[in-house]
Amino acid sequence: MKTQKQMWGIVKHIIVLGIGFIMIYPLLWMLMSSFEISPNIFHRAGLFPYEIGLANYPAGWAGLGRWTFTRFFRNSFMYAGWATVGTVLSSSVIAYSFSRGTYPGRKILFAIMLGTLLLPAQILMVPQYLWFHTLGWVGSYRPLIIPAFFGGAFFIFLMTNFMNAIPHELDESAKIDGCSFYGIYTRIIMPLSVPVLVTAGLFSFIWRWDDFMGPLLYVQGRPQQFPVTLALRVFADPTTVTDWGAFFAMSVLSLMPAVLIFIFFQRYLVEGISTTGLKG
């Protein structure tokens, strides 16, 4: 019986490894193709390149015309960074008001906020574009960054559930010591909410870093303002001859920030999600 269980465990691990390999094969193929010369990329059947070299990376980093990928990466970090800071800070304040506030209509406002999660982004795309066009913001990153400082429904919901799990006795103790409502937020709630704040920051940064439609709508016709996502799209122009080796090299580099951030902050991500909604 013991031998049978061990064999079944080995079979399960083999199956899981096989499925995992199938899932990451496109990424592995892209990584290996970044070291292959362009003419051979689509003429090889295996995973490993015929000729290994690093020439694709400096060739791809040269970018588009006089704009290198240094500019595109800087634009992506600026967009994702500021939008993440705005989202985390504003969402935490709103979540604190939902979690600890006692004003009339709080539950109704929370329900309305949750209802916005049901709206597809495609429905909001046209009215938002018309609004930002009227404000004269089209052609810049303002439509993508400024709204982030007014909270995000998903992150507000996540943080509210986390803050509800923080014992209210801590609030009472802080009030006895003379702490105000806002002092409780800065001195009690915020330090204890680090896991969910980091979790929200991770999600926000990765979503903004991978965003293609937002910059496509609002950053129009200005290559110097392109983030990495738009630069890669223009770099792989089907109407011209594309240097696929350089394209895959830049695609690999574009994945690195999100992957590294996820690896370094994975502990906070797991803790922030696993403890959300638990009563303490």
Protein backbone atom coordinates (compact mmCIF):
# COMPACT_ATOMS: atom_id res chain seq x y z
CA MET A 1 0.00 0.00 0.00
CA LYS A 2 2.83 2.37 0.90
CA THR A 3 4.60 1.63 -2.38
CA GLN A 4 1.40 2.24 -4.31
CA LYS A 5 0.94 5.65 -2.63
CA GLN A 6 4.53 6.58 -3.41
CA MET A 7 4.09 5.61 -7.07
CA TRP A 8 0.87 7.59 -7.29
CA GLY A 9 2.64 10.59 -5.72
CA ILE A 10 5.40 10.34 -8.34
CA VAL A 11 2.85 10.15 -11.15
CA LYS A 12 1.03 13.22 -9.84
CA HIS A 13 4.26 15.19 -9.65
CA ILE A 14 5.16 14.18 -13.20
CA ILE A 15 1.73 15.27 -14.44
CA VAL A 16 1.98 18.61 -12.63
CA LEU A 17 5.49 19.22 -13.96
CA GLY A 18 4.32 18.37 -17.48
CA ILE A 19 1.37 20.78 -17.28
CA GLY A 20 3.63 23.45 -15.79
CA PHE A 21 6.15 23.02 -18.61
CA ILE A 22 3.39 23.38 -21.20
CA MET A 23 2.21 26.59 -19.53
CA ILE A 24 5.64 28.22 -19.38
CA TYR A 25 6.85 26.90 -22.76
CA PRO A 26 5.91 30.12 -24.63
CA LEU A 27 7.96 32.14 -22.14
CA LEU A 28 10.89 29.75 -22.43
CA TRP A 29 10.65 29.90 -26.22
CA MET A 30 10.64 33.70 -26.14
CA LEU A 31 13.64 33.73 -23.78
CA MET A 32 15.66 31.37 -25.97
CA SER A 33 14.62 33.22 -29.13
CA SER A 34 16.06 36.41 -27.69
CA PHE A 35 19.51 34.80 -28.07
CA GLU A 36 18.91 33.62 -31.65
CA ILE A 37 19.55 35.57 -34.83
CA SER A 38 16.32 36.75 -36.44
CA PRO A 39 16.40 34.67 -39.67
CA ASN A 40 16.57 31.42 -37.69
CA ILE A 41 13.85 32.13 -35.11
CA PHE A 42 10.89 30.80 -37.10
CA HIS A 43 12.88 28.10 -38.88
CA ARG A 44 13.85 25.97 -35.90
CA ALA A 45 11.67 23.29 -34.37
CA GLY A 46 13.35 22.97 -31.00
CA LEU A 47 13.58 25.17 -27.96
CA PHE A 48 17.31 25.85 -28.08
CA PRO A 49 18.79 28.29 -30.64
CA TYR A 50 21.20 27.28 -33.36
CA GLU A 51 23.54 30.13 -32.54
CA ILE A 52 23.66 31.77 -29.10
CA GLY A 53 24.54 35.45 -28.89
CA LEU A 54 23.71 38.68 -27.07
CA ALA A 55 23.55 40.95 -30.12
CA ASN A 56 19.76 41.18 -29.98
CA TYR A 57 19.80 43.03 -26.67
CA PRO A 58 21.86 46.10 -27.70
CA ALA A 59 20.09 46.10 -31.07
CA GLY A 60 16.68 46.13 -29.40
CA TRP A 61 17.71 48.69 -26.77
CA ALA A 62 18.52 51.12 -29.60
CA GLY A 63 14.76 51.52 -29.88
CA LEU A 64 12.82 53.50 -32.45
CA GLY A 65 14.60 56.25 -34.32
CA ARG A 66 16.24 58.55 -31.79
CA TRP A 67 14.24 57.17 -28.85
CA THR A 68 15.85 54.25 -27.06
CA PHE A 69 14.20 51.83 -24.65
CA THR A 70 15.75 53.83 -21.82
CA ARG A 71 13.08 56.45 -22.48
CA PHE A 72 10.31 53.84 -22.81
CA PHE A 73 11.22 52.08 -19.57
CA ARG A 74 11.42 55.43 -17.80
CA ASN A 75 7.93 56.30 -19.07
CA SER A 76 6.57 52.95 -17.87
CA PHE A 77 8.13 53.34 -14.42
CA MET A 78 6.77 56.89 -14.17
CA TYR A 79 3.26 55.85 -15.16
CA ALA A 80 3.10 52.65 -13.11
CA GLY A 81 4.87 54.21 -10.12
CA TRP A 82 2.77 57.35 -9.71
CA ALA A 83 -0.48 55.54 -10.46
CA THR A 84 0.39 52.88 -7.88
CA VAL A 85 1.24 55.45 -5.21
CA GLY A 86 -2.00 57.30 -5.86
CA THR A 87 -4.10 54.15 -5.87
CA VAL A 88 -2.66 52.73 -2.65
CA LEU A 89 -2.83 55.98 -0.66
CA SER A 90 -6.30 57.05 -1.76
CA SER A 91 -7.77 53.55 -1.53
CA SER A 92 -6.44 53.13 2.01
CA VAL A 93 -8.05 56.39 3.15
CA ILE A 94 -11.41 55.46 1.61
CA ALA A 95 -11.20 51.92 3.00
CA TYR A 96 -10.48 53.33 6.47
CA SER A 97 -13.60 55.48 6.27
CA PHE A 98 -15.69 52.45 5.31
CA SER A 99 -14.13 50.29 8.01
CA ARG A 100 -14.12 52.73 10.93
CA GLY A 101 -16.47 55.52 9.90
CA THR A 102 -19.95 55.95 11.39
CA TYR A 103 -21.46 58.52 9.01
CA PRO A 104 -24.95 58.06 7.49
CA GLY A 105 -25.18 56.15 4.21
CA ARG A 106 -21.85 54.40 4.65
CA LYS A 107 -23.21 50.97 3.74
CA ILE A 108 -25.07 52.36 0.73
CA LEU A 109 -21.94 54.05 -0.55
CA PHE A 110 -19.98 50.84 -0.04
CA ALA A 111 -22.59 48.89 -2.02
CA ILE A 112 -22.47 51.46 -4.84
CA MET A 113 -18.69 51.23 -4.85
CA LEU A 114 -18.91 47.43 -5.15
CA GLY A 115 -21.43 47.85 -7.97
CA THR A 116 -18.83 49.69 -10.03
CA LEU A 117 -16.81 46.48 -10.12
CA LEU A 118 -19.56 44.97 -12.28
CA LEU A 119 -19.14 47.60 -15.01
CA PRO A 120 -17.01 46.37 -17.94
CA ALA A 121 -14.15 48.69 -18.79
CA GLN A 122 -15.37 48.85 -22.40
CA ILE A 123 -18.56 50.61 -21.28
CA LEU A 124 -16.61 53.38 -19.57
CA MET A 125 -14.01 53.79 -22.32
CA VAL A 126 -15.95 56.17 -24.61
CA PRO A 127 -17.43 58.53 -21.96
CA GLN A 128 -14.10 58.70 -20.15
CA TYR A 129 -12.28 59.54 -23.38
CA LEU A 130 -14.79 62.29 -24.23
CA TRP A 131 -14.47 63.70 -20.73
CA PHE A 132 -10.68 63.76 -20.75
CA HIS A 133 -10.69 65.18 -24.30
CA THR A 134 -12.90 68.02 -23.09
CA LEU A 135 -10.44 68.69 -20.27
CA GLY A 136 -7.59 68.77 -22.78
CA TRP A 137 -5.76 65.88 -21.16
CA VAL A 138 -5.53 63.63 -24.24
CA GLY A 139 -1.93 63.35 -25.39
CA SER A 140 -0.51 63.06 -21.87
CA TYR A 141 -0.44 60.67 -18.92
CA ARG A 142 -2.85 62.76 -16.85
CA PRO A 143 -5.93 60.64 -17.71
CA LEU A 144 -4.01 57.56 -16.54
CA ILE A 145 -2.42 58.95 -13.35
CA ILE A 146 -4.72 61.60 -11.83
CA PRO A 147 -7.83 59.33 -11.54
CA ALA A 148 -5.67 56.85 -9.61
CA PHE A 149 -5.54 59.37 -6.73
CA PHE A 150 -9.29 58.91 -6.20
CA GLY A 151 -9.15 55.22 -5.28
CA GLY A 152 -9.83 51.93 -7.00
CA ALA A 153 -12.93 49.87 -6.19
CA PHE A 154 -11.13 46.53 -6.05
CA PHE A 155 -8.40 47.84 -3.76
CA ILE A 156 -10.90 49.64 -1.52
CA PHE A 157 -12.83 46.40 -1.11
CA LEU A 158 -9.62 44.46 -0.38
CA MET A 159 -8.37 46.97 2.18
CA THR A 160 -11.75 47.39 3.87
CA ASN A 161 -11.99 43.66 4.53
CA PHE A 162 -8.44 43.64 5.89
CA MET A 163 -9.06 46.62 8.18
CA ASN A 164 -12.29 45.07 9.45
CA ALA A 165 -10.16 42.20 10.76
CA ILE A 166 -8.05 44.57 12.89
CA PRO A 167 -9.46 44.53 16.45
CA HIS A 168 -11.46 47.63 17.33
CA GLU A 169 -10.04 47.45 20.86
CA LEU A 170 -6.86 49.01 19.45
CA ASP A 171 -8.90 52.02 18.35
CA GLU A 172 -10.40 52.39 21.82
CA SER A 173 -6.98 52.20 23.45
CA ALA A 174 -5.65 54.85 21.08
CA LYS A 175 -8.62 57.12 21.83
CA ILE A 176 -7.92 56.83 25.57
CA ASP A 177 -4.36 57.94 24.88
CA GLY A 178 -5.73 61.01 23.07
CA CYS A 179 -5.40 59.80 19.48
CA SER A 180 -7.78 61.39 16.96
CA PHE A 181 -9.68 59.61 14.20
CA TYR A 182 -6.96 60.46 11.71
CA GLY A 183 -4.24 59.68 14.22
CA ILE A 184 -5.61 56.16 14.56
CA TYR A 185 -5.33 55.80 10.78
CA THR A 186 -1.71 56.92 10.61
CA ARG A 187 -0.43 55.32 13.83
CA ILE A 188 -2.51 52.14 14.19
CA ILE A 189 -4.27 51.10 11.00
CA MET A 190 -1.59 51.93 8.42
CA PRO A 191 1.30 50.11 10.18
CA LEU A 192 -0.88 47.03 10.70
CA SER A 193 -2.11 47.12 7.09
CA VAL A 194 1.32 46.83 5.47
CA PRO A 195 0.59 43.37 3.96
CA VAL A 196 -2.59 44.49 2.20
CA LEU A 197 -0.98 47.79 1.13
CA VAL A 198 1.91 45.91 -0.45
CA THR A 199 -0.54 43.48 -2.07
CA ALA A 200 -2.52 46.36 -3.57
CA GLY A 201 0.69 48.01 -4.70
CA LEU A 202 1.84 44.84 -6.43
CA PHE A 203 -1.42 44.35 -8.28
CA SER A 204 -1.62 48.02 -9.25
CA PHE A 205 1.97 48.21 -10.47
CA ILE A 206 1.76 45.04 -12.54
CA TRP A 207 -1.59 46.04 -14.07
CA ARG A 208 -0.26 49.49 -14.98
CA TRP A 209 3.04 48.11 -16.23
CA ASP A 210 1.20 45.72 -18.56
CA ASP A 211 -1.41 48.29 -19.60
CA PHE A 212 -1.67 48.68 -23.36
CA MET A 213 -5.14 50.09 -24.02
CA GLY A 214 -4.82 53.09 -21.69
CA PRO A 215 -1.63 54.52 -23.24
CA LEU A 216 -2.94 53.61 -26.70
CA LEU A 217 -6.00 55.82 -26.13
CA TYR A 218 -4.42 58.80 -24.42
CA VAL A 219 -0.74 58.90 -25.43
CA GLN A 220 -1.24 59.41 -29.14
CA GLY A 221 1.36 59.94 -31.82
CA ARG A 222 4.16 60.88 -29.43
CA PRO A 223 6.90 58.19 -29.45
CA GLN A 224 8.86 60.02 -26.74
CA GLN A 225 5.95 59.38 -24.36
CA PHE A 226 5.39 55.71 -25.21
CA PRO A 227 5.61 53.16 -22.40
CA VAL A 228 7.25 49.81 -23.06
CA THR A 229 3.96 48.19 -24.13
CA LEU A 230 3.37 50.68 -26.95
CA ALA A 231 7.03 50.70 -27.93
CA LEU A 232 6.99 46.92 -28.38
CA ARG A 233 3.86 47.17 -30.51
CA VAL A 234 5.46 49.73 -32.83
CA PHE A 235 8.74 47.80 -32.77
CA ALA A 236 6.96 44.74 -34.21
CA ASP A 237 5.34 46.50 -37.18
CA PRO A 238 3.88 43.90 -39.58
CA THR A 239 4.07 46.37 -42.49
CA THR A 240 7.87 46.49 -42.33
CA VAL A 241 10.73 44.07 -41.73
CA THR A 242 10.77 43.26 -38.01
CA ASP A 243 13.91 42.33 -36.13
CA TRP A 244 12.26 39.53 -34.16
CA GLY A 245 15.37 38.71 -32.17
CA ALA A 246 15.59 42.26 -30.85
CA PHE A 247 11.83 42.28 -30.29
CA PHE A 248 11.96 39.16 -28.13
CA ALA A 249 14.98 40.52 -26.26
CA MET A 250 13.05 43.66 -25.29
CA SER A 251 10.00 41.54 -24.44
CA VAL A 252 12.11 39.55 -21.99
CA LEU A 253 13.43 42.73 -20.38
CA SER A 254 9.91 44.15 -20.15
CA LEU A 255 8.90 41.18 -17.99
CA MET A 256 11.76 41.55 -15.53
CA PRO A 257 10.45 44.43 -13.34
CA ALA A 258 7.11 42.74 -12.67
CA VAL A 259 8.77 39.36 -12.06
CA LEU A 260 11.40 40.77 -9.68
CA ILE A 261 8.85 42.80 -7.72
CA PHE A 262 6.63 39.74 -7.39
CA ILE A 263 9.55 37.59 -6.17
CA PHE A 264 10.76 40.10 -3.57
CA PHE A 265 7.30 40.93 -2.20
CA GLN A 266 5.68 37.51 -2.51
CA ARG A 267 5.56 37.07 1.27
CA TYR A 268 3.47 40.21 1.70
CA LEU A 269 1.26 39.21 -1.22
CA VAL A 270 0.37 35.85 0.33
CA GLU A 271 -0.14 37.38 3.78
CA GLY A 272 -2.28 40.23 2.45
CA ILE A 273 -4.61 37.90 0.55
CA SER A 274 -4.78 35.09 3.09
CA THR A 275 -5.68 37.36 6.02
CA THR A 276 -8.20 39.52 4.16
CA GLY A 277 -11.67 39.00 5.58
CA LEU A 278 -10.55 37.15 8.70
CA LYS A 279 -11.85 38.44 12.00
CA GLY A 280 -9.20 38.95 14.68
